[in-house]
């Protein structure tokens, strides 16, 4: 493969990022012209689609026109059918996004071929091929932020599952979430208590100060600082999240036996209260043959889903 340039779009619940990604065999992809705008998800799927098209057109113009590009690689929230580019399901974080013919709409607007992956699948593909998982035969990726997503990548290909939703580790049951309703409609799923909003909710339930030093609503970063300073409510809120993540990762490793586990997302940046609890949950759940599986941080940051989406244009992310 010679050098190829791809428009990369990453559509999340709060922001849409775009960039030009240059791919060349044997070399780490180069990301240029990065920019992000608000998703405006609450305004509905058609607004999100229009914003995504606008971001794609921005990169096409910067690249000197569509004739210089191999296509549009897309990373998107929701359950994605990567064969059609359709969003087959999205929860209430992105109302009206489910049912969007994302790939074909982008092609119709720009004239470029478009291929779409779920955002965490794209993130995992980027990390597996060019980040913390490079050189590994398999890796389990967990992204812990506003929500909790995941993916299993083996020999550079993503496990999709029968309904294209393999990797939804946030919707695995765990002991810490027993009896707690999940926004998906089930009960006892890990995401509800382990995600950033879950930490904030638990902190407030335990009597934590609801405002920061400037009188603004408390956020995860403030809670993490308070945990480091010994705030018991902050420590307990982070510990519940970390323990749940560790327990689920241990259980999934028993089943999938990855060569490494890659942690990313804002919650994974928390301090010792979170990580110590995660280690405890892991030790309780992981069987002896997988107990030494390395758990590492992602290397690519916000570039990971853009790189993964771009890679999917030139080398399929999944094995048929």
C-alpha atoms as a PDB file:
ATOM      1  CA  UNK A   1       0.000   0.000   0.000  1.00  0.00           C
ATOM      2  CA  UNK A   2       1.371   3.394  -0.942  1.00  0.00           C
ATOM      3  CA  UNK A   3       0.493   6.521   0.982  1.00  0.00           C
ATOM      4  CA  UNK A   4      -3.276   7.054   1.227  1.00  0.00           C
ATOM      5  CA  UNK A   5      -5.190   9.936   2.769  1.00  0.00           C
ATOM      6  CA  UNK A   6      -8.491   9.371   4.550  1.00  0.00           C
ATOM      7  CA  UNK A   7     -11.071  11.704   6.061  1.00  0.00           C
ATOM      8  CA  UNK A   8     -11.659  10.486   9.616  1.00  0.00           C
ATOM      9  CA  UNK A   9     -14.769  11.406  11.619  1.00  0.00           C
ATOM     10  CA  UNK A  10     -15.396  10.493  15.276  1.00  0.00           C
ATOM     11  CA  UNK A  11     -19.019  11.024  16.362  1.00  0.00           C
ATOM     12  CA  UNK A  12     -19.623  10.855  20.103  1.00  0.00           C
ATOM     13  CA  UNK A  13     -22.405  11.905  22.435  1.00  0.00           C
ATOM     14  CA  UNK A  14     -20.825  15.288  23.186  1.00  0.00           C
ATOM     15  CA  UNK A  15     -18.416  16.071  20.329  1.00  0.00           C
ATOM     16  CA  UNK A  16     -17.676  15.320  16.701  1.00  0.00           C
ATOM     17  CA  UNK A  17     -13.981  15.285  15.824  1.00  0.00           C
ATOM     18  CA  UNK A  18     -12.520  15.253  12.325  1.00  0.00           C
ATOM     19  CA  UNK A  19      -9.036  14.970  10.861  1.00  0.00           C
ATOM     20  CA  UNK A  20      -7.048  13.954   7.821  1.00  0.00           C
ATOM     21  CA  UNK A  21      -5.249  10.659   8.433  1.00  0.00           C
ATOM     22  CA  UNK A  22      -2.374   9.588   6.197  1.00  0.00           C
ATOM     23  CA  UNK A  23      -1.773   5.837   6.031  1.00  0.00           C
ATOM     24  CA  UNK A  24       1.406   4.244   4.761  1.00  0.00           C
ATOM     25  CA  UNK A  25       2.400   0.579   5.072  1.00  0.00           C
ATOM     26  CA  UNK A  26       4.628  -0.075   8.060  1.00  0.00           C
ATOM     27  CA  UNK A  27       4.423   3.466   9.427  1.00  0.00           C
ATOM     28  CA  UNK A  28       2.318   4.915  12.200  1.00  0.00           C
ATOM     29  CA  UNK A  29      -0.602   6.896  10.735  1.00  0.00           C
ATOM     30  CA  UNK A  30      -0.239  10.676  10.704  1.00  0.00           C
ATOM     31  CA  UNK A  31      -3.179  12.760  11.989  1.00  0.00           C
ATOM     32  CA  UNK A  32      -3.536  16.332  10.702  1.00  0.00           C
ATOM     33  CA  UNK A  33      -6.093  19.155  10.699  1.00  0.00           C
ATOM     34  CA  UNK A  34      -7.781  17.951  13.886  1.00  0.00           C
ATOM     35  CA  UNK A  35     -10.848  19.895  14.959  1.00  0.00           C
ATOM     36  CA  UNK A  36     -13.926  19.227  17.078  1.00  0.00           C
ATOM     37  CA  UNK A  37     -17.399  20.713  17.439  1.00  0.00           C
ATOM     38  CA  UNK A  38     -20.364  19.941  19.742  1.00  0.00           C
ATOM     39  CA  UNK A  39     -22.422  16.965  18.567  1.00  0.00           C
ATOM     40  CA  UNK A  40     -25.712  18.631  19.555  1.00  0.00           C
ATOM     41  CA  UNK A  41     -27.088  15.147  20.115  1.00  0.00           C
ATOM     42  CA  UNK A  42     -30.189  16.287  21.995  1.00  0.00           C
ATOM     43  CA  UNK A  43     -31.349  18.160  18.858  1.00  0.00           C
ATOM     44  CA  UNK A  44     -31.831  14.833  17.086  1.00  0.00           C
ATOM     45  CA  UNK A  45     -30.209  12.541  14.583  1.00  0.00           C
ATOM     46  CA  UNK A  46     -30.617  14.792  11.554  1.00  0.00           C
ATOM     47  CA  UNK A  47     -28.715  17.603  13.262  1.00  0.00           C
ATOM     48  CA  UNK A  48     -25.915  15.194  14.209  1.00  0.00           C
ATOM     49  CA  UNK A  49     -25.772  13.940  10.616  1.00  0.00           C
ATOM     50  CA  UNK A  50     -25.585  17.488   9.266  1.00  0.00           C
ATOM     51  CA  UNK A  51     -22.757  18.279  11.665  1.00  0.00           C
ATOM     52  CA  UNK A  52     -20.875  15.146  10.615  1.00  0.00           C
ATOM     53  CA  UNK A  53     -21.227  16.050   6.927  1.00  0.00           C
ATOM     54  CA  UNK A  54     -19.998  19.572   7.683  1.00  0.00           C
ATOM     55  CA  UNK A  55     -16.905  18.183   9.405  1.00  0.00           C
ATOM     56  CA  UNK A  56     -16.196  15.807   6.522  1.00  0.00           C
ATOM     57  CA  UNK A  57     -16.475  18.647   4.010  1.00  0.00           C
ATOM     58  CA  UNK A  58     -14.040  20.706   6.106  1.00  0.00           C
ATOM     59  CA  UNK A  59     -11.338  18.032   5.822  1.00  0.00           C
ATOM     60  CA  UNK A  60     -12.019  17.439   2.120  1.00  0.00           C
ATOM     61  CA  UNK A  61     -11.430  21.126   1.464  1.00  0.00           C
ATOM     62  CA  UNK A  62      -8.212  21.164   3.507  1.00  0.00           C
ATOM     63  CA  UNK A  63      -6.979  18.082   1.640  1.00  0.00           C
ATOM     64  CA  UNK A  64      -7.409  19.835  -1.707  1.00  0.00           C
ATOM     65  CA  UNK A  65     -10.525  18.014  -2.859  1.00  0.00           C
ATOM     66  CA  UNK A  66     -12.109  14.575  -2.910  1.00  0.00           C
ATOM     67  CA  UNK A  67      -9.887  13.381  -5.763  1.00  0.00           C
ATOM     68  CA  UNK A  68      -6.954  13.261  -3.326  1.00  0.00           C
ATOM     69  CA  UNK A  69      -8.720  11.018  -0.814  1.00  0.00           C
ATOM     70  CA  UNK A  70      -9.318   7.271  -0.410  1.00  0.00           C
ATOM     71  CA  UNK A  71     -12.597   7.712   1.451  1.00  0.00           C
ATOM     72  CA  UNK A  72     -14.241   8.605   4.751  1.00  0.00           C
ATOM     73  CA  UNK A  73     -13.618   6.448   7.809  1.00  0.00           C
ATOM     74  CA  UNK A  74     -16.205   6.976  10.534  1.00  0.00           C
ATOM     75  CA  UNK A  75     -16.271   6.147  14.233  1.00  0.00           C
ATOM     76  CA  UNK A  76     -19.729   6.582  15.761  1.00  0.00           C
ATOM     77  CA  UNK A  77     -21.611   6.032  18.960  1.00  0.00           C
ATOM     78  CA  UNK A  78     -24.404   3.464  18.794  1.00  0.00           C
ATOM     79  CA  UNK A  79     -24.625  -0.070  17.469  1.00  0.00           C
ATOM     80  CA  UNK A  80     -23.265  -0.016  13.918  1.00  0.00           C
ATOM     81  CA  UNK A  81     -23.660  -2.471  11.057  1.00  0.00           C
ATOM     82  CA  UNK A  82     -20.201  -2.031   9.509  1.00  0.00           C
ATOM     83  CA  UNK A  83     -21.253  -3.786   6.310  1.00  0.00           C
ATOM     84  CA  UNK A  84     -23.949  -1.205   5.521  1.00  0.00           C
ATOM     85  CA  UNK A  85     -22.760   1.806   7.523  1.00  0.00           C
ATOM     86  CA  UNK A  86     -26.141   2.040   9.259  1.00  0.00           C
ATOM     87  CA  UNK A  87     -26.704   2.985  12.919  1.00  0.00           C
ATOM     88  CA  UNK A  88     -28.968   0.124  14.006  1.00  0.00           C
ATOM     89  CA  UNK A  89     -29.463   1.236  17.626  1.00  0.00           C
ATOM     90  CA  UNK A  90     -28.629   4.208  19.848  1.00  0.00           C
ATOM     91  CA  UNK A  91     -29.698   4.937  23.400  1.00  0.00           C
ATOM     92  CA  UNK A  92     -31.194   8.114  24.867  1.00  0.00           C
ATOM     93  CA  UNK A  93     -27.807   9.857  24.911  1.00  0.00           C
ATOM     94  CA  UNK A  94     -28.283  10.269  21.131  1.00  0.00           C
ATOM     95  CA  UNK A  95     -32.045  10.448  20.480  1.00  0.00           C
ATOM     96  CA  UNK A  96     -33.051   9.824  16.886  1.00  0.00           C
ATOM     97  CA  UNK A  97     -29.601   8.553  15.907  1.00  0.00           C
ATOM     98  CA  UNK A  98     -30.728   4.935  15.615  1.00  0.00           C
ATOM     99  CA  UNK A  99     -31.841   4.174  12.052  1.00  0.00           C
ATOM    100  CA  UNK A 100     -29.510   6.723  10.453  1.00  0.00           C
ATOM    101  CA  UNK A 101     -27.976   5.506   7.154  1.00  0.00           C
ATOM    102  CA  UNK A 102     -24.718   7.162   8.125  1.00  0.00           C
ATOM    103  CA  UNK A 103     -22.373   5.669   5.549  1.00  0.00           C
ATOM    104  CA  UNK A 104     -24.624   6.164   2.543  1.00  0.00           C
ATOM    105  CA  UNK A 105     -25.586   9.707   3.632  1.00  0.00           C
ATOM    106  CA  UNK A 106     -21.922  10.727   3.839  1.00  0.00           C
ATOM    107  CA  UNK A 107     -21.247   9.186   0.434  1.00  0.00           C
ATOM    108  CA  UNK A 108     -24.242  10.977  -1.091  1.00  0.00           C
ATOM    109  CA  UNK A 109     -23.067  14.307   0.342  1.00  0.00           C
ATOM    110  CA  UNK A 110     -19.385  14.023  -0.604  1.00  0.00           C
ATOM    111  CA  UNK A 111     -19.069  11.467  -3.391  1.00  0.00           C
ATOM    112  CA  UNK A 112     -16.504   9.508  -1.343  1.00  0.00           C
ATOM    113  CA  UNK A 113     -16.880   5.897  -0.163  1.00  0.00           C
ATOM    114  CA  UNK A 114     -17.558   5.745   3.560  1.00  0.00           C
ATOM    115  CA  UNK A 115     -17.173   2.931   6.064  1.00  0.00           C
ATOM    116  CA  UNK A 116     -18.487   3.113   9.618  1.00  0.00           C
ATOM    117  CA  UNK A 117     -17.484   1.452  12.897  1.00  0.00           C
ATOM    118  CA  UNK A 118     -18.800   1.729  16.432  1.00  0.00           C
ATOM    119  CA  UNK A 119     -16.699   4.338  18.246  1.00  0.00           C
ATOM    120  CA  UNK A 120     -15.175   1.965  20.806  1.00  0.00           C
ATOM    121  CA  UNK A 121     -14.516  -0.626  18.083  1.00  0.00           C
ATOM    122  CA  UNK A 122     -12.668   2.046  16.122  1.00  0.00           C
ATOM    123  CA  UNK A 123     -10.790   3.152  19.224  1.00  0.00           C
ATOM    124  CA  UNK A 124      -9.787  -0.443  19.942  1.00  0.00           C
ATOM    125  CA  UNK A 125      -8.657  -1.017  16.370  1.00  0.00           C
ATOM    126  CA  UNK A 126      -6.416   2.043  16.490  1.00  0.00           C
ATOM    127  CA  UNK A 127      -4.843   0.975  19.786  1.00  0.00           C
ATOM    128  CA  UNK A 128      -4.495  -2.666  18.730  1.00  0.00           C
ATOM    129  CA  UNK A 129      -2.751  -1.911  15.441  1.00  0.00           C
ATOM    130  CA  UNK A 130      -0.747   1.211  16.317  1.00  0.00           C
ATOM    131  CA  UNK A 131      -0.980   1.898  20.046  1.00  0.00           C
ATOM    132  CA  UNK A 132      -0.603  -0.047  23.277  1.00  0.00           C
ATOM    133  CA  UNK A 133      -1.640  -3.321  21.607  1.00  0.00           C
ATOM    134  CA  UNK A 134       0.814  -3.130  18.687  1.00  0.00           C
ATOM    135  CA  UNK A 135       2.571  -6.448  18.231  1.00  0.00           C
ATOM    136  CA  UNK A 136       0.097  -8.335  20.443  1.00  0.00           C
ATOM    137  CA  UNK A 137      -1.976 -11.196  19.045  1.00  0.00           C
ATOM    138  CA  UNK A 138      -5.062 -10.150  20.987  1.00  0.00           C
ATOM    139  CA  UNK A 139      -6.222  -7.382  23.282  1.00  0.00           C
ATOM    140  CA  UNK A 140      -9.301  -6.481  25.286  1.00  0.00           C
ATOM    141  CA  UNK A 141      -9.982  -2.746  25.251  1.00  0.00           C
ATOM    142  CA  UNK A 142     -12.100  -0.947  27.857  1.00  0.00           C
ATOM    143  CA  UNK A 143     -13.033   2.716  27.449  1.00  0.00           C
ATOM    144  CA  UNK A 144     -14.388   4.182  30.695  1.00  0.00           C
ATOM    145  CA  UNK A 145     -15.758   7.707  30.527  1.00  0.00           C
ATOM    146  CA  UNK A 146     -19.295   9.093  30.220  1.00  0.00           C
ATOM    147  CA  UNK A 147     -20.243   5.512  29.390  1.00  0.00           C
ATOM    148  CA  UNK A 148     -18.338   2.219  29.378  1.00  0.00           C
ATOM    149  CA  UNK A 149     -17.538   0.459  26.116  1.00  0.00           C
ATOM    150  CA  UNK A 150     -15.174  -2.222  24.999  1.00  0.00           C
ATOM    151  CA  UNK A 151     -13.913  -4.413  22.205  1.00  0.00           C
ATOM    152  CA  UNK A 152     -11.939  -7.589  21.693  1.00  0.00           C
ATOM    153  CA  UNK A 153      -9.371  -7.495  18.901  1.00  0.00           C
ATOM    154  CA  UNK A 154      -7.607 -10.633  17.695  1.00  0.00           C
ATOM    155  CA  UNK A 155      -4.896 -10.588  15.029  1.00  0.00           C
ATOM    156  CA  UNK A 156      -5.887  -7.069  14.046  1.00  0.00           C
ATOM    157  CA  UNK A 157      -9.599  -7.774  13.612  1.00  0.00           C
ATOM    158  CA  UNK A 158     -12.541  -6.831  15.822  1.00  0.00           C
ATOM    159  CA  UNK A 159     -14.968  -9.380  17.212  1.00  0.00           C
ATOM    160  CA  UNK A 160     -18.375  -8.125  16.055  1.00  0.00           C
ATOM    161  CA  UNK A 161     -20.822 -10.789  17.221  1.00  0.00           C
ATOM    162  CA  UNK A 162     -24.117 -11.848  15.619  1.00  0.00           C
ATOM    163  CA  UNK A 163     -25.718  -8.406  16.135  1.00  0.00           C
ATOM    164  CA  UNK A 164     -22.599  -6.211  15.722  1.00  0.00           C
ATOM    165  CA  UNK A 165     -22.571  -5.297  19.413  1.00  0.00           C
ATOM    166  CA  UNK A 166     -19.850  -7.543  20.826  1.00  0.00           C
ATOM    167  CA  UNK A 167     -17.754  -5.655  23.342  1.00  0.00           C
ATOM    168  CA  UNK A 168     -20.528  -3.895  25.274  1.00  0.00           C
ATOM    169  CA  UNK A 169     -18.732  -4.570  28.547  1.00  0.00           C
ATOM    170  CA  UNK A 170     -20.652  -1.795  30.270  1.00  0.00           C
ATOM    171  CA  UNK A 171     -23.692  -4.043  30.066  1.00  0.00           C
ATOM    172  CA  UNK A 172     -22.117  -7.005  31.816  1.00  0.00           C
ATOM    173  CA  UNK A 173     -23.555  -7.742  35.252  1.00  0.00           C
ATOM    174  CA  UNK A 174     -21.395  -7.288  38.326  1.00  0.00           C
ATOM    175  CA  UNK A 175     -21.854  -7.680  42.064  1.00  0.00           C
ATOM    176  CA  UNK A 176     -21.446  -3.960  42.880  1.00  0.00           C
ATOM    177  CA  UNK A 177     -24.403  -3.072  40.637  1.00  0.00           C
ATOM    178  CA  UNK A 178     -26.797  -5.751  41.943  1.00  0.00           C
ATOM    179  CA  UNK A 179     -30.373  -4.454  41.940  1.00  0.00           C
ATOM    180  CA  UNK A 180     -29.502  -1.104  40.334  1.00  0.00           C
ATOM    181  CA  UNK A 181     -31.482  -0.274  37.144  1.00  0.00           C
ATOM    182  CA  UNK A 182     -29.487   0.408  33.980  1.00  0.00           C
ATOM    183  CA  UNK A 183     -30.557   2.981  31.376  1.00  0.00           C
ATOM    184  CA  UNK A 184     -30.761   0.132  28.829  1.00  0.00           C
ATOM    185  CA  UNK A 185     -33.718  -1.295  30.778  1.00  0.00           C
ATOM    186  CA  UNK A 186     -31.922  -4.195  32.434  1.00  0.00           C
ATOM    187  CA  UNK A 187     -30.746  -4.408  36.052  1.00  0.00           C
ATOM    188  CA  UNK A 188     -27.305  -4.837  37.572  1.00  0.00           C
ATOM    189  CA  UNK A 189     -25.112  -3.693  34.697  1.00  0.00           C
ATOM    190  CA  UNK A 190     -21.655  -2.325  35.410  1.00  0.00           C
ATOM    191  CA  UNK A 191     -21.882   0.880  33.333  1.00  0.00           C
ATOM    192  CA  UNK A 192     -24.423   2.529  35.634  1.00  0.00           C
ATOM    193  CA  UNK A 193     -22.034   2.590  38.589  1.00  0.00           C
ATOM    194  CA  UNK A 194     -18.629   2.588  36.886  1.00  0.00           C
ATOM    195  CA  UNK A 195     -18.985   5.482  34.415  1.00  0.00           C
ATOM    196  CA  UNK A 196     -18.160   9.091  35.243  1.00  0.00           C
ATOM    197  CA  UNK A 197     -21.771  10.146  35.927  1.00  0.00           C
ATOM    198  CA  UNK A 198     -22.140   7.051  38.130  1.00  0.00           C
ATOM    199  CA  UNK A 199     -19.198   8.166  40.270  1.00  0.00           C
ATOM    200  CA  UNK A 200     -20.713  11.644  40.657  1.00  0.00           C
ATOM    201  CA  UNK A 201     -24.133  10.227  41.556  1.00  0.00           C
ATOM    202  CA  UNK A 202     -22.631   7.924  44.183  1.00  0.00           C
ATOM    203  CA  UNK A 203     -20.535  10.735  45.645  1.00  0.00           C
ATOM    204  CA  UNK A 204     -23.628  12.884  46.118  1.00  0.00           C
ATOM    205  CA  UNK A 205     -25.580   9.948  47.580  1.00  0.00           C
ATOM    206  CA  UNK A 206     -22.830   9.574  50.189  1.00  0.00           C
ATOM    207  CA  UNK A 207     -23.151  13.219  51.195  1.00  0.00           C
ATOM    208  CA  UNK A 208     -20.327  14.698  49.157  1.00  0.00           C
ATOM    209  CA  UNK A 209     -20.194  18.460  48.594  1.00  0.00           C
ATOM    210  CA  UNK A 210     -22.244  19.067  45.412  1.00  0.00           C
ATOM    211  CA  UNK A 211     -20.249  22.126  44.319  1.00  0.00           C
ATOM    212  CA  UNK A 212     -16.626  22.934  43.625  1.00  0.00           C
ATOM    213  CA  UNK A 213     -14.590  25.858  44.970  1.00  0.00           C
ATOM    214  CA  UNK A 214     -16.247  28.209  42.449  1.00  0.00           C
ATOM    215  CA  UNK A 215     -19.775  27.093  43.272  1.00  0.00           C
ATOM    216  CA  UNK A 216     -20.173  25.060  40.071  1.00  0.00           C
ATOM    217  CA  UNK A 217     -21.610  21.502  40.078  1.00  0.00           C
ATOM    218  CA  UNK A 218     -18.959  19.004  41.079  1.00  0.00           C
ATOM    219  CA  UNK A 219     -17.407  16.910  38.291  1.00  0.00           C
ATOM    220  CA  UNK A 220     -15.247  13.806  38.138  1.00  0.00           C
ATOM    221  CA  UNK A 221     -11.939  15.677  38.174  1.00  0.00           C
ATOM    222  CA  UNK A 222     -12.889  17.496  41.374  1.00  0.00           C
ATOM    223  CA  UNK A 223     -14.019  14.250  43.006  1.00  0.00           C
ATOM    224  CA  UNK A 224     -10.697  12.638  42.081  1.00  0.00           C
ATOM    225  CA  UNK A 225      -8.795  15.514  43.721  1.00  0.00           C
ATOM    226  CA  UNK A 226     -10.956  15.170  46.819  1.00  0.00           C
ATOM    227  CA  UNK A 227     -10.319  11.426  46.920  1.00  0.00           C
ATOM    228  CA  UNK A 228      -6.563  12.076  46.813  1.00  0.00           C
ATOM    229  CA  UNK A 229      -7.010  14.506  49.712  1.00  0.00           C
ATOM    230  CA  UNK A 230      -8.799  11.881  51.822  1.00  0.00           C
ATOM    231  CA  UNK A 231     -12.485  12.759  51.247  1.00  0.00           C
ATOM    232  CA  UNK A 232     -14.213   9.528  52.310  1.00  0.00           C
ATOM    233  CA  UNK A 233     -17.253   9.974  50.061  1.00  0.00           C
ATOM    234  CA  UNK A 234     -15.002  10.593  47.052  1.00  0.00           C
ATOM    235  CA  UNK A 235     -12.852   7.557  47.868  1.00  0.00           C
ATOM    236  CA  UNK A 236     -15.920   5.330  48.235  1.00  0.00           C
ATOM    237  CA  UNK A 237     -17.499   6.572  44.991  1.00  0.00           C
ATOM    238  CA  UNK A 238     -14.323   5.946  42.993  1.00  0.00           C
ATOM    239  CA  UNK A 239     -13.723   2.618  44.714  1.00  0.00           C
ATOM    240  CA  UNK A 240     -17.127   1.263  43.704  1.00  0.00           C
ATOM    241  CA  UNK A 241     -16.421   2.148  40.077  1.00  0.00           C
ATOM    242  CA  UNK A 242     -12.905   0.747  40.088  1.00  0.00           C
ATOM    243  CA  UNK A 243     -13.905  -2.502  41.781  1.00  0.00           C
ATOM    244  CA  UNK A 244     -16.705  -3.061  39.268  1.00  0.00           C
ATOM    245  CA  UNK A 245     -14.342  -2.513  36.327  1.00  0.00           C
ATOM    246  CA  UNK A 246     -11.761  -4.882  37.791  1.00  0.00           C
ATOM    247  CA  UNK A 247     -14.342  -7.596  38.449  1.00  0.00           C
ATOM    248  CA  UNK A 248     -15.734  -7.425  34.911  1.00  0.00           C
ATOM    249  CA  UNK A 249     -12.290  -7.328  33.275  1.00  0.00           C
ATOM    250  CA  UNK A 250     -11.267 -10.361  35.307  1.00  0.00           C
ATOM    251  CA  UNK A 251     -14.381 -12.277  34.307  1.00  0.00           C
ATOM    252  CA  UNK A 252     -13.993 -11.384  30.631  1.00  0.00           C
ATOM    253  CA  UNK A 253     -10.332 -12.365  30.691  1.00  0.00           C
ATOM    254  CA  UNK A 254     -11.319 -15.775  32.018  1.00  0.00           C
ATOM    255  CA  UNK A 255     -13.473 -16.164  28.908  1.00  0.00           C
ATOM    256  CA  UNK A 256     -11.433 -14.406  26.203  1.00  0.00           C
ATOM    257  CA  UNK A 257      -7.840 -14.796  27.479  1.00  0.00           C
ATOM    258  CA  UNK A 258      -6.406 -11.634  25.843  1.00  0.00           C
ATOM    259  CA  UNK A 259      -2.664 -11.080  25.604  1.00  0.00           C
ATOM    260  CA  UNK A 260      -3.156  -7.628  27.142  1.00  0.00           C
ATOM    261  CA  UNK A 261      -5.897  -5.333  28.416  1.00  0.00           C
ATOM    262  CA  UNK A 262      -5.918  -1.675  27.361  1.00  0.00           C
ATOM    263  CA  UNK A 263      -7.640   0.899  29.564  1.00  0.00           C
ATOM    264  CA  UNK A 264      -8.625   4.300  28.213  1.00  0.00           C
ATOM    265  CA  UNK A 265     -11.090   7.082  28.914  1.00  0.00           C
ATOM    266  CA  UNK A 266     -11.304   9.855  31.498  1.00  0.00           C
ATOM    267  CA  UNK A 267     -12.261   7.616  34.435  1.00  0.00           C
ATOM    268  CA  UNK A 268      -9.195   5.435  33.866  1.00  0.00           C
ATOM    269  CA  UNK A 269      -7.128   8.552  34.661  1.00  0.00           C
ATOM    270  CA  UNK A 270      -8.378   8.541  38.258  1.00  0.00           C
ATOM    271  CA  UNK A 271      -5.903   8.178  41.095  1.00  0.00           C
ATOM    272  CA  UNK A 272      -5.084   5.423  43.615  1.00  0.00           C
ATOM    273  CA  UNK A 273      -8.567   5.121  45.140  1.00  0.00           C
ATOM    274  CA  UNK A 274      -9.927   3.969  41.776  1.00  0.00           C
ATOM    275  CA  UNK A 275      -6.952   1.912  40.669  1.00  0.00           C
ATOM    276  CA  UNK A 276      -6.467   0.129  43.991  1.00  0.00           C
ATOM    277  CA  UNK A 277     -10.114  -0.916  43.942  1.00  0.00           C
ATOM    278  CA  UNK A 278      -9.815  -2.034  40.319  1.00  0.00           C
ATOM    279  CA  UNK A 279      -6.829  -4.189  41.237  1.00  0.00           C
ATOM    280  CA  UNK A 280      -8.824  -5.730  44.074  1.00  0.00           C
ATOM    281  CA  UNK A 281     -11.770  -6.514  41.802  1.00  0.00           C
ATOM    282  CA  UNK A 282      -9.405  -8.029  39.256  1.00  0.00           C
ATOM    283  CA  UNK A 283      -7.707 -10.298  41.829  1.00  0.00           C
ATOM    284  CA  UNK A 284     -11.069 -11.529  43.083  1.00  0.00           C
ATOM    285  CA  UNK A 285     -12.348 -12.454  39.611  1.00  0.00           C
ATOM    286  CA  UNK A 286      -9.363 -13.488  37.460  1.00  0.00           C
ATOM    287  CA  UNK A 287      -8.437 -17.175  37.351  1.00  0.00           C
ATOM    288  CA  UNK A 288      -4.756 -18.099  37.953  1.00  0.00           C
ATOM    289  CA  UNK A 289      -3.906 -18.700  34.248  1.00  0.00           C
ATOM    290  CA  UNK A 290      -4.874 -15.111  33.332  1.00  0.00           C
ATOM    291  CA  UNK A 291      -4.016 -13.336  36.594  1.00  0.00           C
ATOM    292  CA  UNK A 292      -0.740 -11.943  35.214  1.00  0.00           C
ATOM    293  CA  UNK A 293      -2.335 -10.453  32.078  1.00  0.00           C
ATOM    294  CA  UNK A 294      -0.894  -6.932  31.742  1.00  0.00           C
ATOM    295  CA  UNK A 295      -3.341  -4.029  32.117  1.00  0.00           C
ATOM    296  CA  UNK A 296      -1.904  -1.000  30.325  1.00  0.00           C
ATOM    297  CA  UNK A 297      -2.993   2.518  29.401  1.00  0.00           C
ATOM    298  CA  UNK A 298      -3.839   3.448  25.828  1.00  0.00           C
ATOM    299  CA  UNK A 299      -1.123   5.269  23.874  1.00  0.00           C
ATOM    300  CA  UNK A 300      -3.098   7.161  21.227  1.00  0.00           C
ATOM    301  CA  UNK A 301      -5.572   9.241  23.234  1.00  0.00           C
ATOM    302  CA  UNK A 302      -8.178  10.993  21.092  1.00  0.00           C
ATOM    303  CA  UNK A 303      -6.407   9.935  17.893  1.00  0.00           C
ATOM    304  CA  UNK A 304      -7.249   6.261  18.477  1.00  0.00           C
ATOM    305  CA  UNK A 305     -10.807   6.232  17.022  1.00  0.00           C
ATOM    306  CA  UNK A 306      -9.749   8.453  14.109  1.00  0.00           C
ATOM    307  CA  UNK A 307      -6.875   6.124  13.243  1.00  0.00           C
ATOM    308  CA  UNK A 308      -9.053   3.037  13.640  1.00  0.00           C
ATOM    309  CA  UNK A 309     -11.786   4.506  11.440  1.00  0.00           C
ATOM    310  CA  UNK A 310      -9.237   5.466   8.776  1.00  0.00           C
ATOM    311  CA  UNK A 311      -7.628   2.018   8.863  1.00  0.00           C
ATOM    312  CA  UNK A 312     -11.037   0.471   8.165  1.00  0.00           C
ATOM    313  CA  UNK A 313     -11.101   2.203   4.771  1.00  0.00           C
ATOM    314  CA  UNK A 314      -7.991   0.446   3.482  1.00  0.00           C
ATOM    315  CA  UNK A 315      -7.907  -2.756   5.592  1.00  0.00           C
ATOM    316  CA  UNK A 316     -11.164  -4.216   6.902  1.00  0.00           C
ATOM    317  CA  UNK A 317     -11.546  -3.989  10.670  1.00  0.00           C
ATOM    318  CA  UNK A 318     -13.375  -7.288  10.888  1.00  0.00           C
ATOM    319  CA  UNK A 319     -12.948 -10.779   9.472  1.00  0.00           C
ATOM    320  CA  UNK A 320     -15.891 -12.108   7.473  1.00  0.00           C
END
